[in-house]
Amino acid sequence: EYIWDDEYVDNATIRAEVSRLKKSLKEDFIQNIRALGYMIDIPRL
């Protein structure tokens, strides 16, 4: 809700934005959790 200021956003838009973000990262920090959504998993240093 903070990203799109309470505007309705469909699943295709979210998938496209997550895909674009995943491509821009050097490592695969964003995981798809089936039937739930996405999770950011950043390992501790």
PDB file of N, CA and C in Angstrom:
ATOM      1  N   GLU A   1       0.813  -1.201   0.000  1.00  0.00           N
ATOM      2  CA  GLU A   1       0.000   0.000   0.000  1.00  0.00           C
ATOM      3  C   GLU A   1       0.852   1.258   0.000  1.00  0.00           C
ATOM      4  N   TYR A   2       2.061   1.193   0.541  1.00  0.00           N
ATOM      5  CA  TYR A   2       2.926   2.372   0.562  1.00  0.00           C
ATOM      6  C   TYR A   2       3.530   2.669  -0.803  1.00  0.00           C
ATOM      7  N   ILE A   3       3.657   1.661  -1.629  1.00  0.00           N
ATOM      8  CA  ILE A   3       4.270   1.855  -2.939  1.00  0.00           C
ATOM      9  C   ILE A   3       3.296   2.521  -3.902  1.00  0.00           C
ATOM     10  N   TRP A   4       2.039   2.114  -3.871  1.00  0.00           N
ATOM     11  CA  TRP A   4       1.080   2.615  -4.849  1.00  0.00           C
ATOM     12  C   TRP A   4       0.032   3.550  -4.241  1.00  0.00           C
ATOM     13  N   ASP A   5       0.242   4.057  -3.053  1.00  0.00           N
ATOM     14  CA  ASP A   5      -0.654   5.044  -2.431  1.00  0.00           C
ATOM     15  C   ASP A   5      -2.127   4.647  -2.465  1.00  0.00           C
ATOM     16  N   ASP A   6      -2.440   3.482  -1.972  1.00  0.00           N
ATOM     17  CA  ASP A   6      -3.817   2.992  -1.850  1.00  0.00           C
ATOM     18  C   ASP A   6      -4.550   2.816  -3.178  1.00  0.00           C
ATOM     19  N   GLU A   7      -3.829   2.791  -4.303  1.00  0.00           N
ATOM     20  CA  GLU A   7      -4.451   2.508  -5.591  1.00  0.00           C
ATOM     21  C   GLU A   7      -4.544   0.998  -5.766  1.00  0.00           C
ATOM     22  N   TYR A   8      -5.575   0.543  -6.487  1.00  0.00           N
ATOM     23  CA  TYR A   8      -5.689  -0.880  -6.781  1.00  0.00           C
ATOM     24  C   TYR A   8      -4.595  -1.275  -7.769  1.00  0.00           C
ATOM     25  N   VAL A   9      -3.889  -2.348  -7.455  1.00  0.00           N
ATOM     26  CA  VAL A   9      -2.830  -2.863  -8.323  1.00  0.00           C
ATOM     27  C   VAL A   9      -3.107  -4.342  -8.554  1.00  0.00           C
ATOM     28  N   ASP A  10      -3.185  -4.747  -9.823  1.00  0.00           N
ATOM     29  CA  ASP A  10      -3.478  -6.148 -10.104  1.00  0.00           C
ATOM     30  C   ASP A  10      -2.221  -7.015  -9.998  1.00  0.00           C
ATOM     31  N   ASN A  11      -2.428  -8.316  -9.975  1.00  0.00           N
ATOM     32  CA  ASN A  11      -1.326  -9.266  -9.791  1.00  0.00           C
ATOM     33  C   ASN A  11      -0.284  -9.178 -10.890  1.00  0.00           C
ATOM     34  N   ALA A  12      -0.703  -8.899 -12.112  1.00  0.00           N
ATOM     35  CA  ALA A  12       0.246  -8.809 -13.226  1.00  0.00           C
ATOM     36  C   ALA A  12       1.229  -7.660 -13.015  1.00  0.00           C
ATOM     37  N   THR A  13       0.747  -6.547 -12.481  1.00  0.00           N
ATOM     38  CA  THR A  13       1.622  -5.407 -12.207  1.00  0.00           C
ATOM     39  C   THR A  13       2.636  -5.753 -11.127  1.00  0.00           C
ATOM     40  N   ILE A  14       2.180  -6.417 -10.082  1.00  0.00           N
ATOM     41  CA  ILE A  14       3.085  -6.809  -9.000  1.00  0.00           C
ATOM     42  C   ILE A  14       4.129  -7.786  -9.520  1.00  0.00           C
ATOM     43  N   ARG A  15       3.709  -8.789 -10.291  1.00  0.00           N
ATOM     44  CA  ARG A  15       4.662  -9.755 -10.857  1.00  0.00           C
ATOM     45  C   ARG A  15       5.700  -9.065 -11.729  1.00  0.00           C
ATOM     46  N   ALA A  16       5.265  -8.119 -12.545  1.00  0.00           N
ATOM     47  CA  ALA A  16       6.187  -7.406 -13.433  1.00  0.00           C
ATOM     48  C   ALA A  16       7.192  -6.586 -12.634  1.00  0.00           C
ATOM     49  N   GLU A  17       6.741  -5.898 -11.597  1.00  0.00           N
ATOM     50  CA  GLU A  17       7.644  -5.079 -10.784  1.00  0.00           C
ATOM     51  C   GLU A  17       8.630  -5.943 -10.006  1.00  0.00           C
ATOM     52  N   VAL A  18       8.158  -7.056  -9.455  1.00  0.00           N
ATOM     53  CA  VAL A  18       9.050  -7.963  -8.727  1.00  0.00           C
ATOM     54  C   VAL A  18      10.069  -8.568  -9.686  1.00  0.00           C
ATOM     55  N   SER A  19       9.637  -8.932 -10.869  1.00  0.00           N
ATOM     56  CA  SER A  19      10.552  -9.480 -11.871  1.00  0.00           C
ATOM     57  C   SER A  19      11.626  -8.466 -12.239  1.00  0.00           C
ATOM     58  N   ARG A  20      11.228  -7.221 -12.445  1.00  0.00           N
ATOM     59  CA  ARG A  20      12.180  -6.159 -12.779  1.00  0.00           C
ATOM     60  C   ARG A  20      13.177  -5.952 -11.642  1.00  0.00           C
ATOM     61  N   LEU A  21      12.691  -5.977 -10.406  1.00  0.00           N
ATOM     62  CA  LEU A  21      13.558  -5.812  -9.244  1.00  0.00           C
ATOM     63  C   LEU A  21      14.536  -6.976  -9.117  1.00  0.00           C
ATOM     64  N   LYS A  22      14.038  -8.209  -9.312  1.00  0.00           N
ATOM     65  CA  LYS A  22      14.906  -9.387  -9.222  1.00  0.00           C
ATOM     66  C   LYS A  22      16.026  -9.340 -10.255  1.00  0.00           C
ATOM     67  N   LYS A  23      15.720  -8.861 -11.459  1.00  0.00           N
ATOM     68  CA  LYS A  23      16.735  -8.758 -12.509  1.00  0.00           C
ATOM     69  C   LYS A  23      17.799  -7.723 -12.173  1.00  0.00           C
ATOM     70  N   SER A  24      17.428  -6.698 -11.418  1.00  0.00           N
ATOM     71  CA  SER A  24      18.379  -5.637 -11.094  1.00  0.00           C
ATOM     72  C   SER A  24      19.290  -5.993  -9.919  1.00  0.00           C
ATOM     73  N   LEU A  25      18.929  -7.017  -9.152  1.00  0.00           N
ATOM     74  CA  LEU A  25      19.752  -7.435  -8.011  1.00  0.00           C
ATOM     75  C   LEU A  25      20.812  -8.434  -8.460  1.00  0.00           C
ATOM     76  N   LYS A  26      21.964  -8.393  -7.810  1.00  0.00           N
ATOM     77  CA  LYS A  26      23.047  -9.309  -8.164  1.00  0.00           C
ATOM     78  C   LYS A  26      22.769 -10.729  -7.676  1.00  0.00           C
ATOM     79  N   GLU A  27      22.073 -10.841  -6.569  1.00  0.00           N
ATOM     80  CA  GLU A  27      21.757 -12.162  -6.018  1.00  0.00           C
ATOM     81  C   GLU A  27      20.242 -12.311  -5.916  1.00  0.00           C
ATOM     82  N   ASP A  28      19.800 -13.535  -5.732  1.00  0.00           N
ATOM     83  CA  ASP A  28      18.368 -13.826  -5.677  1.00  0.00           C
ATOM     84  C   ASP A  28      17.846 -13.675  -4.247  1.00  0.00           C
ATOM     85  N   PHE A  29      17.615 -12.437  -3.833  1.00  0.00           N
ATOM     86  CA  PHE A  29      17.131 -12.162  -2.480  1.00  0.00           C
ATOM     87  C   PHE A  29      15.615 -12.293  -2.364  1.00  0.00           C
ATOM     88  N   ILE A  30      14.920 -12.193  -3.476  1.00  0.00           N
ATOM     89  CA  ILE A  30      13.461 -12.233  -3.458  1.00  0.00           C
ATOM     90  C   ILE A  30      13.005 -13.628  -3.851  1.00  0.00           C
ATOM     91  N   GLN A  31      12.241 -14.244  -2.952  1.00  0.00           N
ATOM     92  CA  GLN A  31      11.755 -15.594  -3.197  1.00  0.00           C
ATOM     93  C   GLN A  31      10.237 -15.567  -3.339  1.00  0.00           C
ATOM     94  N   ASN A  32       9.725 -16.405  -4.218  1.00  0.00           N
ATOM     95  CA  ASN A  32       8.291 -16.554  -4.384  1.00  0.00           C
ATOM     96  C   ASN A  32       7.812 -17.619  -3.406  1.00  0.00           C
ATOM     97  N   ILE A  33       6.887 -17.259  -2.553  1.00  0.00           N
ATOM     98  CA  ILE A  33       6.290 -18.205  -1.613  1.00  0.00           C
ATOM     99  C   ILE A  33       4.923 -18.582  -2.185  1.00  0.00           C
ATOM    100  N   ARG A  34       4.826 -19.792  -2.685  1.00  0.00           N
ATOM    101  CA  ARG A  34       3.625 -20.240  -3.396  1.00  0.00           C
ATOM    102  C   ARG A  34       2.353 -20.000  -2.585  1.00  0.00           C
ATOM    103  N   ALA A  35       1.379 -19.420  -3.231  1.00  0.00           N
ATOM    104  CA  ALA A  35       0.050 -19.130  -2.686  1.00  0.00           C
ATOM    105  C   ALA A  35       0.055 -18.050  -1.602  1.00  0.00           C
ATOM    106  N   LEU A  36       1.218 -17.458  -1.304  1.00  0.00           N
ATOM    107  CA  LEU A  36       1.280 -16.410  -0.286  1.00  0.00           C
ATOM    108  C   LEU A  36       1.787 -15.078  -0.827  1.00  0.00           C
ATOM    109  N   GLY A  37       2.838 -15.119  -1.628  1.00  0.00           N
ATOM    110  CA  GLY A  37       3.405 -13.865  -2.133  1.00  0.00           C
ATOM    111  C   GLY A  37       4.910 -13.964  -2.264  1.00  0.00           C
ATOM    112  N   TYR A  38       5.591 -12.911  -1.856  1.00  0.00           N
ATOM    113  CA  TYR A  38       7.039 -12.840  -1.998  1.00  0.00           C
ATOM    114  C   TYR A  38       7.687 -12.616  -0.646  1.00  0.00           C
ATOM    115  N   MET A  39       8.945 -13.038  -0.543  1.00  0.00           N
ATOM    116  CA  MET A  39       9.707 -12.847   0.682  1.00  0.00           C
ATOM    117  C   MET A  39      11.101 -12.362   0.306  1.00  0.00           C
ATOM    118  N   ILE A  40      11.585 -11.365   1.025  1.00  0.00           N
ATOM    119  CA  ILE A  40      12.958 -10.903   0.837  1.00  0.00           C
ATOM    120  C   ILE A  40      13.809 -11.618   1.870  1.00  0.00           C
ATOM    121  N   ASP A  41      14.818 -12.322   1.399  1.00  0.00           N
ATOM    122  CA  ASP A  41      15.689 -13.108   2.275  1.00  0.00           C
ATOM    123  C   ASP A  41      17.128 -12.636   2.077  1.00  0.00           C
ATOM    124  N   ILE A  42      17.588 -11.773   2.975  1.00  0.00           N
ATOM    125  CA  ILE A  42      18.948 -11.247   2.902  1.00  0.00           C
ATOM    126  C   ILE A  42      19.768 -11.917   3.997  1.00  0.00           C
ATOM    127  N   PRO A  43      20.794 -12.674   3.607  1.00  0.00           N
ATOM    128  CA  PRO A  43      21.608 -13.359   4.615  1.00  0.00           C
ATOM    129  C   PRO A  43      22.399 -12.370   5.473  1.00  0.00           C
ATOM    130  N   ARG A  44      22.587 -12.740   6.708  1.00  0.00           N
ATOM    131  CA  ARG A  44      23.384 -11.898   7.617  1.00  0.00           C
ATOM    132  C   ARG A  44      24.854 -12.041   7.289  1.00  0.00           C
ATOM    133  N   LEU A  45      25.570 -10.971   7.453  1.00  0.00           N
ATOM    134  CA  LEU A  45      27.013 -11.008   7.194  1.00  0.00           C
ATOM    135  C   LEU A  45      27.782 -11.456   8.403  1.00  0.00           C
TER     136      LEU A  45
END
